[in-house]
Amino acid sequence: MSAVVERVSVLKPKSESLERIKQLFTELANQVIENESGCEAYTVWVQTESPTTPNVVIHERYFNQESFDDHLKTPYFLEVAGAMGSEDLLREPLTLEESAVARLASR
């Protein structure tokens, strides 16, 4: 079994920031998929059935901790992290679920 790092982030954007967040994370996902062989999955969703501004959910899965740590050092990740910090895009703090898991089966 290989230990993977699984991470789910829930972003709650301000109504005026939804398009900016979608842009930032779509571009980030494309960069990750293109450049990071240690990332097994990087998916961005928008929760469409929301009474307020839809949440943006990001699911990431890395083959190991080293791959995840490398991801955090990439210029495209640092650019998005900087924008999230400086542009005041969220209506609530980021919610994050992160764990190392051992894969039993997958498809």
C-alpha atoms as a PDB file:
ATOM      1  CA  MET A   1       0.000   0.000   0.000  1.00  0.00           C
ATOM      2  CA  SER A   2       1.220   3.478  -0.757  1.00  0.00           C
ATOM      3  CA  ALA A   3       0.487   6.384   1.581  1.00  0.00           C
ATOM      4  CA  VAL A   4      -1.161   9.221  -0.276  1.00  0.00           C
ATOM      5  CA  VAL A   5      -2.045  12.732   0.822  1.00  0.00           C
ATOM      6  CA  GLU A   6      -5.705  13.537   0.321  1.00  0.00           C
ATOM      7  CA  ARG A   7      -6.931  17.110   0.705  1.00  0.00           C
ATOM      8  CA  VAL A   8     -10.357  18.719   0.312  1.00  0.00           C
ATOM      9  CA  SER A   9     -10.651  22.506   0.537  1.00  0.00           C
ATOM     10  CA  VAL A  10     -13.925  24.414   0.660  1.00  0.00           C
ATOM     11  CA  LEU A  11     -13.732  28.045  -0.433  1.00  0.00           C
ATOM     12  CA  LYS A  12     -16.638  30.344   0.385  1.00  0.00           C
ATOM     13  CA  PRO A  13     -16.189  33.304  -1.942  1.00  0.00           C
ATOM     14  CA  LYS A  14     -17.740  36.712  -1.639  1.00  0.00           C
ATOM     15  CA  SER A  15     -20.384  37.124  -4.354  1.00  0.00           C
ATOM     16  CA  GLU A  16     -18.231  39.612  -6.239  1.00  0.00           C
ATOM     17  CA  SER A  17     -15.227  37.231  -6.052  1.00  0.00           C
ATOM     18  CA  LEU A  18     -16.701  33.997  -7.424  1.00  0.00           C
ATOM     19  CA  GLU A  19     -15.487  34.486 -10.994  1.00  0.00           C
ATOM     20  CA  ARG A  20     -11.995  35.461  -9.806  1.00  0.00           C
ATOM     21  CA  ILE A  21     -11.736  32.356  -7.622  1.00  0.00           C
ATOM     22  CA  LYS A  22     -12.980  30.149 -10.446  1.00  0.00           C
ATOM     23  CA  GLN A  23     -10.343  31.690 -12.724  1.00  0.00           C
ATOM     24  CA  LEU A  24      -7.508  31.282 -10.204  1.00  0.00           C
ATOM     25  CA  PHE A  25      -8.277  27.661  -9.402  1.00  0.00           C
ATOM     26  CA  THR A  26      -9.021  26.584 -12.962  1.00  0.00           C
ATOM     27  CA  GLU A  27      -5.621  27.934 -14.003  1.00  0.00           C
ATOM     28  CA  LEU A  28      -3.990  26.302 -10.973  1.00  0.00           C
ATOM     29  CA  ALA A  29      -5.604  22.937 -11.744  1.00  0.00           C
ATOM     30  CA  ASN A  30      -4.372  23.109 -15.340  1.00  0.00           C
ATOM     31  CA  GLN A  31      -0.818  23.852 -14.169  1.00  0.00           C
ATOM     32  CA  VAL A  32      -0.883  21.048 -11.613  1.00  0.00           C
ATOM     33  CA  ILE A  33      -2.196  18.515 -14.117  1.00  0.00           C
ATOM     34  CA  GLU A  34       0.364  19.562 -16.720  1.00  0.00           C
ATOM     35  CA  ASN A  35       3.422  19.793 -14.479  1.00  0.00           C
ATOM     36  CA  GLU A  36       3.122  17.625 -11.375  1.00  0.00           C
ATOM     37  CA  SER A  37       3.592  13.909 -11.899  1.00  0.00           C
ATOM     38  CA  GLY A  38       3.240  13.389  -8.126  1.00  0.00           C
ATOM     39  CA  CYS A  39      -0.361  14.598  -8.201  1.00  0.00           C
ATOM     40  CA  GLU A  40      -2.829  11.830  -8.909  1.00  0.00           C
ATOM     41  CA  ALA A  41      -5.964  14.017  -8.912  1.00  0.00           C
ATOM     42  CA  TYR A  42      -6.749  17.731  -8.811  1.00  0.00           C
ATOM     43  CA  THR A  43     -10.411  18.559  -9.270  1.00  0.00           C
ATOM     44  CA  VAL A  44     -12.281  21.841  -8.834  1.00  0.00           C
ATOM     45  CA  TRP A  45     -16.052  21.911  -8.349  1.00  0.00           C
ATOM     46  CA  VAL A  46     -18.595  24.668  -7.868  1.00  0.00           C
ATOM     47  CA  GLN A  47     -21.514  23.798  -5.597  1.00  0.00           C
ATOM     48  CA  THR A  48     -24.384  25.093  -7.681  1.00  0.00           C
ATOM     49  CA  GLU A  49     -27.269  24.517  -5.256  1.00  0.00           C
ATOM     50  CA  SER A  50     -26.481  27.206  -2.726  1.00  0.00           C
ATOM     51  CA  PRO A  51     -28.798  29.859  -1.311  1.00  0.00           C
ATOM     52  CA  THR A  52     -25.852  32.270  -1.272  1.00  0.00           C
ATOM     53  CA  THR A  53     -22.774  32.501  -3.449  1.00  0.00           C
ATOM     54  CA  PRO A  54     -21.773  28.935  -4.433  1.00  0.00           C
ATOM     55  CA  ASN A  55     -18.842  27.343  -2.646  1.00  0.00           C
ATOM     56  CA  VAL A  56     -15.820  26.175  -4.599  1.00  0.00           C
ATOM     57  CA  VAL A  57     -14.551  22.724  -3.586  1.00  0.00           C
ATOM     58  CA  ILE A  58     -11.064  21.533  -4.453  1.00  0.00           C
ATOM     59  CA  HIS A  59     -10.046  17.886  -4.156  1.00  0.00           C
ATOM     60  CA  GLU A  60      -6.345  17.033  -4.355  1.00  0.00           C
ATOM     61  CA  ARG A  61      -4.622  13.652  -4.110  1.00  0.00           C
ATOM     62  CA  TYR A  62      -0.851  13.286  -4.116  1.00  0.00           C
ATOM     63  CA  PHE A  63       1.109  10.035  -4.259  1.00  0.00           C
ATOM     64  CA  ASN A  64       3.053  10.970  -1.104  1.00  0.00           C
ATOM     65  CA  GLN A  65       3.893  13.798   1.281  1.00  0.00           C
ATOM     66  CA  GLU A  66       6.949  14.809  -0.736  1.00  0.00           C
ATOM     67  CA  SER A  67       4.801  15.374  -3.837  1.00  0.00           C
ATOM     68  CA  PHE A  68       2.404  17.525  -1.833  1.00  0.00           C
ATOM     69  CA  ASP A  69       5.269  19.508  -0.286  1.00  0.00           C
ATOM     70  CA  ASP A  70       6.723  20.068  -3.783  1.00  0.00           C
ATOM     71  CA  HIS A  71       3.326  21.344  -4.949  1.00  0.00           C
ATOM     72  CA  LEU A  72       3.322  23.995  -2.217  1.00  0.00           C
ATOM     73  CA  LYS A  73       6.620  25.381  -3.578  1.00  0.00           C
ATOM     74  CA  THR A  74       5.537  25.801  -7.212  1.00  0.00           C
ATOM     75  CA  PRO A  75       5.347  29.348  -8.577  1.00  0.00           C
ATOM     76  CA  TYR A  76       1.755  28.866  -9.756  1.00  0.00           C
ATOM     77  CA  PHE A  77       0.608  27.684  -6.298  1.00  0.00           C
ATOM     78  CA  LEU A  78       2.432  30.579  -4.623  1.00  0.00           C
ATOM     79  CA  GLU A  79       0.777  33.003  -7.048  1.00  0.00           C
ATOM     80  CA  VAL A  80      -2.707  31.745  -6.160  1.00  0.00           C
ATOM     81  CA  ALA A  81      -1.905  31.727  -2.436  1.00  0.00           C
ATOM     82  CA  GLY A  82      -0.698  35.326  -2.729  1.00  0.00           C
ATOM     83  CA  ALA A  83      -3.843  36.394  -4.579  1.00  0.00           C
ATOM     84  CA  MET A  84      -6.046  34.694  -1.994  1.00  0.00           C
ATOM     85  CA  GLY A  85      -4.234  36.579   0.749  1.00  0.00           C
ATOM     86  CA  SER A  86      -4.071  40.000  -0.862  1.00  0.00           C
ATOM     87  CA  GLU A  87      -7.380  40.215  -2.732  1.00  0.00           C
ATOM     88  CA  ASP A  88      -9.764  39.464   0.175  1.00  0.00           C
ATOM     89  CA  LEU A  89     -11.848  37.020  -1.887  1.00  0.00           C
ATOM     90  CA  LEU A  90     -13.534  34.884   0.794  1.00  0.00           C
ATOM     91  CA  ARG A  91     -16.605  35.582   2.924  1.00  0.00           C
ATOM     92  CA  GLU A  92     -15.469  32.971   5.474  1.00  0.00           C
ATOM     93  CA  PRO A  93     -12.116  31.336   6.274  1.00  0.00           C
ATOM     94  CA  LEU A  94     -11.024  28.371   4.187  1.00  0.00           C
ATOM     95  CA  THR A  95     -12.232  24.963   5.406  1.00  0.00           C
ATOM     96  CA  LEU A  96      -9.653  22.222   4.943  1.00  0.00           C
ATOM     97  CA  GLU A  97      -9.681  18.457   5.374  1.00  0.00           C
ATOM     98  CA  GLU A  98      -6.297  16.815   5.024  1.00  0.00           C
ATOM     99  CA  SER A  99      -5.043  13.348   5.846  1.00  0.00           C
ATOM    100  CA  ALA A 100      -2.580  10.701   4.859  1.00  0.00           C
ATOM    101  CA  VAL A 101      -4.430   7.580   3.798  1.00  0.00           C
ATOM    102  CA  ALA A 102      -3.468   4.085   2.765  1.00  0.00           C
ATOM    103  CA  ARG A 103      -5.174   3.005  -0.442  1.00  0.00           C
ATOM    104  CA  LEU A 104      -6.962  -0.298  -0.255  1.00  0.00           C
ATOM    105  CA  ALA A 105      -8.562  -0.259  -3.685  1.00  0.00           C
ATOM    106  CA  SER A 106      -9.254   2.153  -6.488  1.00  0.00           C
ATOM    107  CA  ARG A 107     -10.640   2.265  -9.965  1.00  0.00           C
END
